[in-house]
Amino acid sequence: MLTKRVKSRVISEHRAHEKDTGSASVQVGVLSRQIDDLAAHLKKHAKDNHSRRGLLKMVSHRRKLLVYLKRRQPAMYEQTIKKLGLKK
């Protein structure tokens, strides 16, 4: 679970302008942070299948957002991928 402070820091890193809090690139950044945290949790608790299902849903949602971003704003897609260190 992301704290309010961590989430606001992630949003400020990925936003396009001052009031941008919900664009696709911001959502991808927040989801990536949540995915990293949950992956670390699952390394300790390998049998936690409920959390694993949530992780898979988040990965799927992030992938759909990246497909949308690639189609609509290719430059922003490349920038987001590079910032987060994700594979294409």
PDB file of N, CA and C in Angstrom:
ATOM      1  N   MET A   1       0.841  -1.178   0.000  1.00  0.00           N
ATOM      2  CA  MET A   1       0.000   0.000   0.000  1.00  0.00           C
ATOM      3  C   MET A   1       0.884   1.238   0.000  1.00  0.00           C
ATOM      4  N   LEU A   2       0.605   2.141  -0.917  1.00  0.00           N
ATOM      5  CA  LEU A   2       1.383   3.369  -1.001  1.00  0.00           C
ATOM      6  C   LEU A   2       0.897   4.391   0.016  1.00  0.00           C
ATOM      7  N   THR A   3       1.836   5.054   0.646  1.00  0.00           N
ATOM      8  CA  THR A   3       1.453   6.142   1.537  1.00  0.00           C
ATOM      9  C   THR A   3       1.149   7.377   0.693  1.00  0.00           C
ATOM     10  N   LYS A   4       0.489   8.326   1.304  1.00  0.00           N
ATOM     11  CA  LYS A   4       0.103   9.541   0.598  1.00  0.00           C
ATOM     12  C   LYS A   4       1.343  10.296   0.102  1.00  0.00           C
ATOM     13  N   ARG A   5       2.379  10.307   0.907  1.00  0.00           N
ATOM     14  CA  ARG A   5       3.602  11.023   0.558  1.00  0.00           C
ATOM     15  C   ARG A   5       4.303  10.374  -0.641  1.00  0.00           C
ATOM     16  N   VAL A   6       4.398   9.059  -0.640  1.00  0.00           N
ATOM     17  CA  VAL A   6       5.056   8.345  -1.737  1.00  0.00           C
ATOM     18  C   VAL A   6       4.255   8.516  -3.026  1.00  0.00           C
ATOM     19  N   LYS A   7       2.942   8.408  -2.919  1.00  0.00           N
ATOM     20  CA  LYS A   7       2.096   8.545  -4.097  1.00  0.00           C
ATOM     21  C   LYS A   7       2.202   9.943  -4.691  1.00  0.00           C
ATOM     22  N   SER A   8       2.221  10.966  -3.859  1.00  0.00           N
ATOM     23  CA  SER A   8       2.332  12.330  -4.380  1.00  0.00           C
ATOM     24  C   SER A   8       3.700  12.558  -5.023  1.00  0.00           C
ATOM     25  N   ARG A   9       4.751  11.930  -4.502  1.00  0.00           N
ATOM     26  CA  ARG A   9       6.073  12.044  -5.112  1.00  0.00           C
ATOM     27  C   ARG A   9       6.097  11.377  -6.485  1.00  0.00           C
ATOM     28  N   VAL A  10       5.472  10.211  -6.604  1.00  0.00           N
ATOM     29  CA  VAL A  10       5.410   9.510  -7.889  1.00  0.00           C
ATOM     30  C   VAL A  10       4.606  10.329  -8.897  1.00  0.00           C
ATOM     31  N   ILE A  11       3.511  10.917  -8.449  1.00  0.00           N
ATOM     32  CA  ILE A  11       2.689  11.744  -9.336  1.00  0.00           C
ATOM     33  C   ILE A  11       3.485  12.945  -9.823  1.00  0.00           C
ATOM     34  N   SER A  12       4.220  13.588  -8.929  1.00  0.00           N
ATOM     35  CA  SER A  12       4.993  14.767  -9.332  1.00  0.00           C
ATOM     36  C   SER A  12       6.109  14.410 -10.315  1.00  0.00           C
ATOM     37  N   GLU A  13       6.629  13.200 -10.249  1.00  0.00           N
ATOM     38  CA  GLU A  13       7.672  12.773 -11.181  1.00  0.00           C
ATOM     39  C   GLU A  13       7.136  12.536 -12.580  1.00  0.00           C
ATOM     40  N   HIS A  14       5.878  12.111 -12.698  1.00  0.00           N
ATOM     41  CA  HIS A  14       5.356  11.674 -13.989  1.00  0.00           C
ATOM     42  C   HIS A  14       4.337  12.616 -14.611  1.00  0.00           C
ATOM     43  N   ARG A  15       3.988  13.685 -13.952  1.00  0.00           N
ATOM     44  CA  ARG A  15       2.949  14.553 -14.491  1.00  0.00           C
ATOM     45  C   ARG A  15       3.473  15.411 -15.637  1.00  0.00           C
ATOM     46  N   ALA A  16       2.551  15.774 -16.521  1.00  0.00           N
ATOM     47  CA  ALA A  16       2.897  16.567 -17.693  1.00  0.00           C
ATOM     48  C   ALA A  16       2.835  18.064 -17.388  1.00  0.00           C
ATOM     49  N   HIS A  17       1.957  18.479 -16.488  1.00  0.00           N
ATOM     50  CA  HIS A  17       1.830  19.886 -16.108  1.00  0.00           C
ATOM     51  C   HIS A  17       1.447  19.972 -14.638  1.00  0.00           C
ATOM     52  N   GLU A  18       1.290  21.169 -14.131  1.00  0.00           N
ATOM     53  CA  GLU A  18       1.080  21.422 -12.697  1.00  0.00           C
ATOM     54  C   GLU A  18      -0.095  20.656 -12.097  1.00  0.00           C
ATOM     55  N   LYS A  19      -1.227  20.612 -12.787  1.00  0.00           N
ATOM     56  CA  LYS A  19      -2.437  20.011 -12.221  1.00  0.00           C
ATOM     57  C   LYS A  19      -2.720  18.596 -12.727  1.00  0.00           C
ATOM     58  N   ASP A  20      -1.757  17.984 -13.368  1.00  0.00           N
ATOM     59  CA  ASP A  20      -1.939  16.644 -13.929  1.00  0.00           C
ATOM     60  C   ASP A  20      -1.805  15.592 -12.836  1.00  0.00           C
ATOM     61  N   THR A  21      -2.918  14.940 -12.510  1.00  0.00           N
ATOM     62  CA  THR A  21      -2.875  13.890 -11.494  1.00  0.00           C
ATOM     63  C   THR A  21      -3.442  12.566 -11.993  1.00  0.00           C
ATOM     64  N   GLY A  22      -4.002  12.536 -13.185  1.00  0.00           N
ATOM     65  CA  GLY A  22      -4.657  11.314 -13.626  1.00  0.00           C
ATOM     66  C   GLY A  22      -4.385  10.907 -15.049  1.00  0.00           C
ATOM     67  N   SER A  23      -3.387  11.484 -15.695  1.00  0.00           N
ATOM     68  CA  SER A  23      -3.093  11.101 -17.072  1.00  0.00           C
ATOM     69  C   SER A  23      -2.562   9.664 -17.099  1.00  0.00           C
ATOM     70  N   ALA A  24      -2.507   9.099 -18.282  1.00  0.00           N
ATOM     71  CA  ALA A  24      -2.083   7.707 -18.418  1.00  0.00           C
ATOM     72  C   ALA A  24      -0.662   7.505 -17.903  1.00  0.00           C
ATOM     73  N   SER A  25       0.230   8.451 -18.161  1.00  0.00           N
ATOM     74  CA  SER A  25       1.610   8.282 -17.706  1.00  0.00           C
ATOM     75  C   SER A  25       1.700   8.325 -16.176  1.00  0.00           C
ATOM     76  N   VAL A  26       0.887   9.151 -15.546  1.00  0.00           N
ATOM     77  CA  VAL A  26       0.861   9.204 -14.079  1.00  0.00           C
ATOM     78  C   VAL A  26       0.311   7.899 -13.523  1.00  0.00           C
ATOM     79  N   GLN A  27      -0.754   7.392 -14.130  1.00  0.00           N
ATOM     80  CA  GLN A  27      -1.342   6.134 -13.670  1.00  0.00           C
ATOM     81  C   GLN A  27      -0.353   4.987 -13.820  1.00  0.00           C
ATOM     82  N   VAL A  28       0.398   4.976 -14.917  1.00  0.00           N
ATOM     83  CA  VAL A  28       1.399   3.930 -15.130  1.00  0.00           C
ATOM     84  C   VAL A  28       2.482   4.022 -14.060  1.00  0.00           C
ATOM     85  N   GLY A  29       2.899   5.231 -13.716  1.00  0.00           N
ATOM     86  CA  GLY A  29       3.912   5.409 -12.684  1.00  0.00           C
ATOM     87  C   GLY A  29       3.447   4.908 -11.330  1.00  0.00           C
ATOM     88  N   VAL A  30       2.219   5.249 -10.954  1.00  0.00           N
ATOM     89  CA  VAL A  30       1.676   4.811  -9.665  1.00  0.00           C
ATOM     90  C   VAL A  30       1.512   3.292  -9.650  1.00  0.00           C
ATOM     91  N   LEU A  31       0.989   2.733 -10.735  1.00  0.00           N
ATOM     92  CA  LEU A  31       0.831   1.276 -10.802  1.00  0.00           C
ATOM     93  C   LEU A  31       2.176   0.568 -10.731  1.00  0.00           C
ATOM     94  N   SER A  32       3.182   1.118 -11.381  1.00  0.00           N
ATOM     95  CA  SER A  32       4.506   0.493 -11.356  1.00  0.00           C
ATOM     96  C   SER A  32       5.052   0.453  -9.943  1.00  0.00           C
ATOM     97  N   ARG A  33       4.847   1.517  -9.205  1.00  0.00           N
ATOM     98  CA  ARG A  33       5.321   1.551  -7.807  1.00  0.00           C
ATOM     99  C   ARG A  33       4.570   0.515  -6.964  1.00  0.00           C
ATOM    100  N   GLN A  34       3.254   0.417  -7.163  1.00  0.00           N
ATOM    101  CA  GLN A  34       2.470  -0.566  -6.425  1.00  0.00           C
ATOM    102  C   GLN A  34       2.886  -1.988  -6.798  1.00  0.00           C
ATOM    103  N   ILE A  35       3.164  -2.207  -8.067  1.00  0.00           N
ATOM    104  CA  ILE A  35       3.578  -3.533  -8.538  1.00  0.00           C
ATOM    105  C   ILE A  35       4.913  -3.919  -7.900  1.00  0.00           C
ATOM    106  N   ASP A  36       5.838  -2.967  -7.831  1.00  0.00           N
ATOM    107  CA  ASP A  36       7.133  -3.253  -7.201  1.00  0.00           C
ATOM    108  C   ASP A  36       6.970  -3.616  -5.730  1.00  0.00           C
ATOM    109  N   ASP A  37       6.124  -2.868  -5.024  1.00  0.00           N
ATOM    110  CA  ASP A  37       5.895  -3.147  -3.606  1.00  0.00           C
ATOM    111  C   ASP A  37       5.254  -4.515  -3.403  1.00  0.00           C
ATOM    112  N   LEU A  38       4.273  -4.833  -4.233  1.00  0.00           N
ATOM    113  CA  LEU A  38       3.577  -6.108  -4.093  1.00  0.00           C
ATOM    114  C   LEU A  38       4.472  -7.282  -4.493  1.00  0.00           C
ATOM    115  N   ALA A  39       5.340  -7.072  -5.471  1.00  0.00           N
ATOM    116  CA  ALA A  39       6.280  -8.130  -5.856  1.00  0.00           C
ATOM    117  C   ALA A  39       7.240  -8.434  -4.710  1.00  0.00           C
ATOM    118  N   ALA A  40       7.672  -7.397  -4.011  1.00  0.00           N
ATOM    119  CA  ALA A  40       8.545  -7.602  -2.853  1.00  0.00           C
ATOM    120  C   ALA A  40       7.806  -8.368  -1.757  1.00  0.00           C
ATOM    121  N   HIS A  41       6.537  -8.055  -1.559  1.00  0.00           N
ATOM    122  CA  HIS A  41       5.720  -8.769  -0.568  1.00  0.00           C
ATOM    123  C   HIS A  41       5.607 -10.246  -0.940  1.00  0.00           C
ATOM    124  N   LEU A  42       5.403 -10.516  -2.226  1.00  0.00           N
ATOM    125  CA  LEU A  42       5.208 -11.903  -2.653  1.00  0.00           C
ATOM    126  C   LEU A  42       6.495 -12.725  -2.594  1.00  0.00           C
ATOM    127  N   LYS A  43       7.638 -12.058  -2.593  1.00  0.00           N
ATOM    128  CA  LYS A  43       8.885 -12.803  -2.429  1.00  0.00           C
ATOM    129  C   LYS A  43       8.989 -13.357  -1.012  1.00  0.00           C
ATOM    130  N   LYS A  44       8.458 -12.614  -0.040  1.00  0.00           N
ATOM    131  CA  LYS A  44       8.465 -13.086   1.342  1.00  0.00           C
ATOM    132  C   LYS A  44       7.343 -14.082   1.605  1.00  0.00           C
ATOM    133  N   HIS A  45       6.182 -13.829   1.000  1.00  0.00           N
ATOM    134  CA  HIS A  45       4.982 -14.628   1.248  1.00  0.00           C
ATOM    135  C   HIS A  45       4.547 -15.302  -0.059  1.00  0.00           C
ATOM    136  N   ALA A  46       5.243 -16.367  -0.403  1.00  0.00           N
ATOM    137  CA  ALA A  46       5.047 -17.001  -1.703  1.00  0.00           C
ATOM    138  C   ALA A  46       3.664 -17.633  -1.877  1.00  0.00           C
ATOM    139  N   LYS A  47       3.006 -18.000  -0.778  1.00  0.00           N
ATOM    140  CA  LYS A  47       1.715 -18.684  -0.881  1.00  0.00           C
ATOM    141  C   LYS A  47       0.522 -17.744  -0.796  1.00  0.00           C
ATOM    142  N   ASP A  48       0.747 -16.459  -0.843  1.00  0.00           N
ATOM    143  CA  ASP A  48      -0.320 -15.467  -0.752  1.00  0.00           C
ATOM    144  C   ASP A  48      -0.965 -15.293  -2.132  1.00  0.00           C
ATOM    145  N   ASN A  49      -1.896 -16.183  -2.432  1.00  0.00           N
ATOM    146  CA  ASN A  49      -2.495 -16.191  -3.761  1.00  0.00           C
ATOM    147  C   ASN A  49      -3.471 -15.045  -3.984  1.00  0.00           C
ATOM    148  N   HIS A  50      -4.072 -14.520  -2.946  1.00  0.00           N
ATOM    149  CA  HIS A  50      -4.982 -13.389  -3.102  1.00  0.00           C
ATOM    150  C   HIS A  50      -4.213 -12.145  -3.572  1.00  0.00           C
ATOM    151  N   SER A  51      -3.065 -11.926  -2.991  1.00  0.00           N
ATOM    152  CA  SER A  51      -2.238 -10.794  -3.408  1.00  0.00           C
ATOM    153  C   SER A  51      -1.672 -11.020  -4.802  1.00  0.00           C
ATOM    154  N   ARG A  52      -1.365 -12.257  -5.138  1.00  0.00           N
ATOM    155  CA  ARG A  52      -0.850 -12.570  -6.474  1.00  0.00           C
ATOM    156  C   ARG A  52      -1.888 -12.235  -7.542  1.00  0.00           C
ATOM    157  N   ARG A  53      -3.151 -12.505  -7.255  1.00  0.00           N
ATOM    158  CA  ARG A  53      -4.217 -12.187  -8.200  1.00  0.00           C
ATOM    159  C   ARG A  53      -4.313 -10.678  -8.392  1.00  0.00           C
ATOM    160  N   GLY A  54      -4.197  -9.922  -7.303  1.00  0.00           N
ATOM    161  CA  GLY A  54      -4.204  -8.471  -7.392  1.00  0.00           C
ATOM    162  C   GLY A  54      -3.033  -7.950  -8.201  1.00  0.00           C
ATOM    163  N   LEU A  55      -1.871  -8.580  -8.024  1.00  0.00           N
ATOM    164  CA  LEU A  55      -0.690  -8.197  -8.788  1.00  0.00           C
ATOM    165  C   LEU A  55      -0.915  -8.408 -10.282  1.00  0.00           C
ATOM    166  N   LEU A  56      -1.475  -9.540 -10.633  1.00  0.00           N
ATOM    167  CA  LEU A  56      -1.726  -9.830 -12.044  1.00  0.00           C
ATOM    168  C   LEU A  56      -2.728  -8.839 -12.650  1.00  0.00           C
ATOM    169  N   LYS A  57      -3.733  -8.433 -11.870  1.00  0.00           N
ATOM    170  CA  LYS A  57      -4.689  -7.447 -12.349  1.00  0.00           C
ATOM    171  C   LYS A  57      -4.017  -6.093 -12.574  1.00  0.00           C
ATOM    172  N   MET A  58      -3.120  -5.723 -11.662  1.00  0.00           N
ATOM    173  CA  MET A  58      -2.409  -4.446 -11.806  1.00  0.00           C
ATOM    174  C   MET A  58      -1.488  -4.458 -13.025  1.00  0.00           C
ATOM    175  N   VAL A  59      -0.794  -5.570 -13.245  1.00  0.00           N
ATOM    176  CA  VAL A  59       0.096  -5.679 -14.406  1.00  0.00           C
ATOM    177  C   VAL A  59      -0.715  -5.580 -15.686  1.00  0.00           C
ATOM    178  N   SER A  60      -1.869  -6.219 -15.722  1.00  0.00           N
ATOM    179  CA  SER A  60      -2.738  -6.163 -16.891  1.00  0.00           C
ATOM    180  C   SER A  60      -3.243  -4.746 -17.142  1.00  0.00           C
ATOM    181  N   HIS A  61      -3.629  -4.069 -16.086  1.00  0.00           N
ATOM    182  CA  HIS A  61      -4.128  -2.693 -16.214  1.00  0.00           C
ATOM    183  C   HIS A  61      -3.018  -1.759 -16.705  1.00  0.00           C
ATOM    184  N   ARG A  62      -1.803  -1.934 -16.173  1.00  0.00           N
ATOM    185  CA  ARG A  62      -0.672  -1.112 -16.618  1.00  0.00           C
ATOM    186  C   ARG A  62      -0.378  -1.357 -18.088  1.00  0.00           C
ATOM    187  N   ARG A  63      -0.467  -2.609 -18.506  1.00  0.00           N
ATOM    188  CA  ARG A  63      -0.207  -2.948 -19.916  1.00  0.00           C
ATOM    189  C   ARG A  63      -1.231  -2.282 -20.827  1.00  0.00           C
ATOM    190  N   LYS A  64      -2.505  -2.297 -20.431  1.00  0.00           N
ATOM    191  CA  LYS A  64      -3.545  -1.651 -21.228  1.00  0.00           C
ATOM    192  C   LYS A  64      -3.316  -0.146 -21.316  1.00  0.00           C
ATOM    193  N   LEU A  65      -2.910   0.467 -20.214  1.00  0.00           N
ATOM    194  CA  LEU A  65      -2.622   1.901 -20.222  1.00  0.00           C
ATOM    195  C   LEU A  65      -1.430   2.214 -21.134  1.00  0.00           C
ATOM    196  N   LEU A  66      -0.422   1.347 -21.137  1.00  0.00           N
ATOM    197  CA  LEU A  66       0.732   1.567 -22.001  1.00  0.00           C
ATOM    198  C   LEU A  66       0.367   1.417 -23.476  1.00  0.00           C
ATOM    199  N   VAL A  67      -0.515   0.488 -23.800  1.00  0.00           N
ATOM    200  CA  VAL A  67      -0.977   0.337 -25.184  1.00  0.00           C
ATOM    201  C   VAL A  67      -1.721   1.590 -25.618  1.00  0.00           C
ATOM    202  N   TYR A  68      -2.573   2.114 -24.739  1.00  0.00           N
ATOM    203  CA  TYR A  68      -3.306   3.349 -25.020  1.00  0.00           C
ATOM    204  C   TYR A  68      -2.335   4.508 -25.225  1.00  0.00           C
ATOM    205  N   LEU A  69      -1.356   4.620 -24.351  1.00  0.00           N
ATOM    206  CA  LEU A  69      -0.391   5.704 -24.425  1.00  0.00           C
ATOM    207  C   LEU A  69       0.447   5.614 -25.695  1.00  0.00           C
ATOM    208  N   LYS A  70       0.821   4.410 -26.079  1.00  0.00           N
ATOM    209  CA  LYS A  70       1.607   4.211 -27.299  1.00  0.00           C
ATOM    210  C   LYS A  70       0.815   4.619 -28.536  1.00  0.00           C
ATOM    211  N   ARG A  71      -0.472   4.340 -28.520  1.00  0.00           N
ATOM    212  CA  ARG A  71      -1.321   4.670 -29.662  1.00  0.00           C
ATOM    213  C   ARG A  71      -1.604   6.169 -29.737  1.00  0.00           C
ATOM    214  N   ARG A  72      -1.863   6.801 -28.590  1.00  0.00           N
ATOM    215  CA  ARG A  72      -2.278   8.206 -28.564  1.00  0.00           C
ATOM    216  C   ARG A  72      -1.125   9.200 -28.522  1.00  0.00           C
ATOM    217  N   GLN A  73      -0.105   8.908 -27.701  1.00  0.00           N
ATOM    218  CA  GLN A  73       1.009   9.839 -27.513  1.00  0.00           C
ATOM    219  C   GLN A  73       2.330   9.064 -27.521  1.00  0.00           C
ATOM    220  N   PRO A  74       2.847   8.748 -28.708  1.00  0.00           N
ATOM    221  CA  PRO A  74       4.068   7.935 -28.783  1.00  0.00           C
ATOM    222  C   PRO A  74       5.269   8.556 -28.062  1.00  0.00           C
ATOM    223  N   ALA A  75       5.404   9.882 -28.096  1.00  0.00           N
ATOM    224  CA  ALA A  75       6.542  10.526 -27.433  1.00  0.00           C
ATOM    225  C   ALA A  75       6.447  10.361 -25.914  1.00  0.00           C
ATOM    226  N   MET A  76       5.257  10.539 -25.369  1.00  0.00           N
ATOM    227  CA  MET A  76       5.045  10.377 -23.925  1.00  0.00           C
ATOM    228  C   MET A  76       5.250   8.919 -23.527  1.00  0.00           C
ATOM    229  N   TYR A  77       4.853   7.999 -24.397  1.00  0.00           N
ATOM    230  CA  TYR A  77       5.059   6.566 -24.150  1.00  0.00           C
ATOM    231  C   TYR A  77       6.550   6.265 -24.005  1.00  0.00           C
ATOM    232  N   GLU A  78       7.346   6.748 -24.957  1.00  0.00           N
ATOM    233  CA  GLU A  78       8.792   6.503 -24.910  1.00  0.00           C
ATOM    234  C   GLU A  78       9.407   7.100 -23.651  1.00  0.00           C
ATOM    235  N   GLN A  79       8.975   8.299 -23.304  1.00  0.00           N
ATOM    236  CA  GLN A  79       9.498   8.959 -22.113  1.00  0.00           C
ATOM    237  C   GLN A  79       9.139   8.182 -20.845  1.00  0.00           C
ATOM    238  N   THR A  80       7.913   7.698 -20.765  1.00  0.00           N
ATOM    239  CA  THR A  80       7.454   6.957 -19.591  1.00  0.00           C
ATOM    240  C   THR A  80       8.204   5.624 -19.474  1.00  0.00           C
ATOM    241  N   ILE A  81       8.373   4.938 -20.577  1.00  0.00           N
ATOM    242  CA  ILE A  81       9.081   3.660 -20.584  1.00  0.00           C
ATOM    243  C   ILE A  81      10.522   3.847 -20.114  1.00  0.00           C
ATOM    244  N   LYS A  82      11.137   4.901 -20.602  1.00  0.00           N
ATOM    245  CA  LYS A  82      12.535   5.164 -20.236  1.00  0.00           C
ATOM    246  C   LYS A  82      12.663   5.518 -18.751  1.00  0.00           C
ATOM    247  N   LYS A  83      11.731   6.339 -18.244  1.00  0.00           N
ATOM    248  CA  LYS A  83      11.756   6.750 -16.836  1.00  0.00           C
ATOM    249  C   LYS A  83      11.608   5.558 -15.903  1.00  0.00           C
ATOM    250  N   LEU A  84      10.695   4.658 -16.261  1.00  0.00           N
ATOM    251  CA  LEU A  84      10.391   3.529 -15.378  1.00  0.00           C
ATOM    252  C   LEU A  84      11.294   2.318 -15.605  1.00  0.00           C
ATOM    253  N   GLY A  85      12.017   2.312 -16.728  1.00  0.00           N
ATOM    254  CA  GLY A  85      12.894   1.181 -17.013  1.00  0.00           C
ATOM    255  C   GLY A  85      12.127  -0.075 -17.397  1.00  0.00           C
ATOM    256  N   LEU A  86      11.001   0.097 -18.089  1.00  0.00           N
ATOM    257  CA  LEU A  86      10.188  -1.040 -18.512  1.00  0.00           C
ATOM    258  C   LEU A  86      10.614  -1.514 -19.898  1.00  0.00           C
ATOM    259  N   LYS A  87      10.289  -2.765 -20.206  1.00  0.00           N
ATOM    260  CA  LYS A  87      10.543  -3.293 -21.538  1.00  0.00           C
ATOM    261  C   LYS A  87       9.451  -2.822 -22.475  1.00  0.00           C
ATOM    262  N   LYS A  88       9.762  -2.752 -23.749  1.00  0.00           N
ATOM    263  CA  LYS A  88       8.764  -2.334 -24.733  1.00  0.00           C
ATOM    264  C   LYS A  88       7.845  -3.458 -25.086  1.00  0.00           C
TER     265      LYS A  88
END
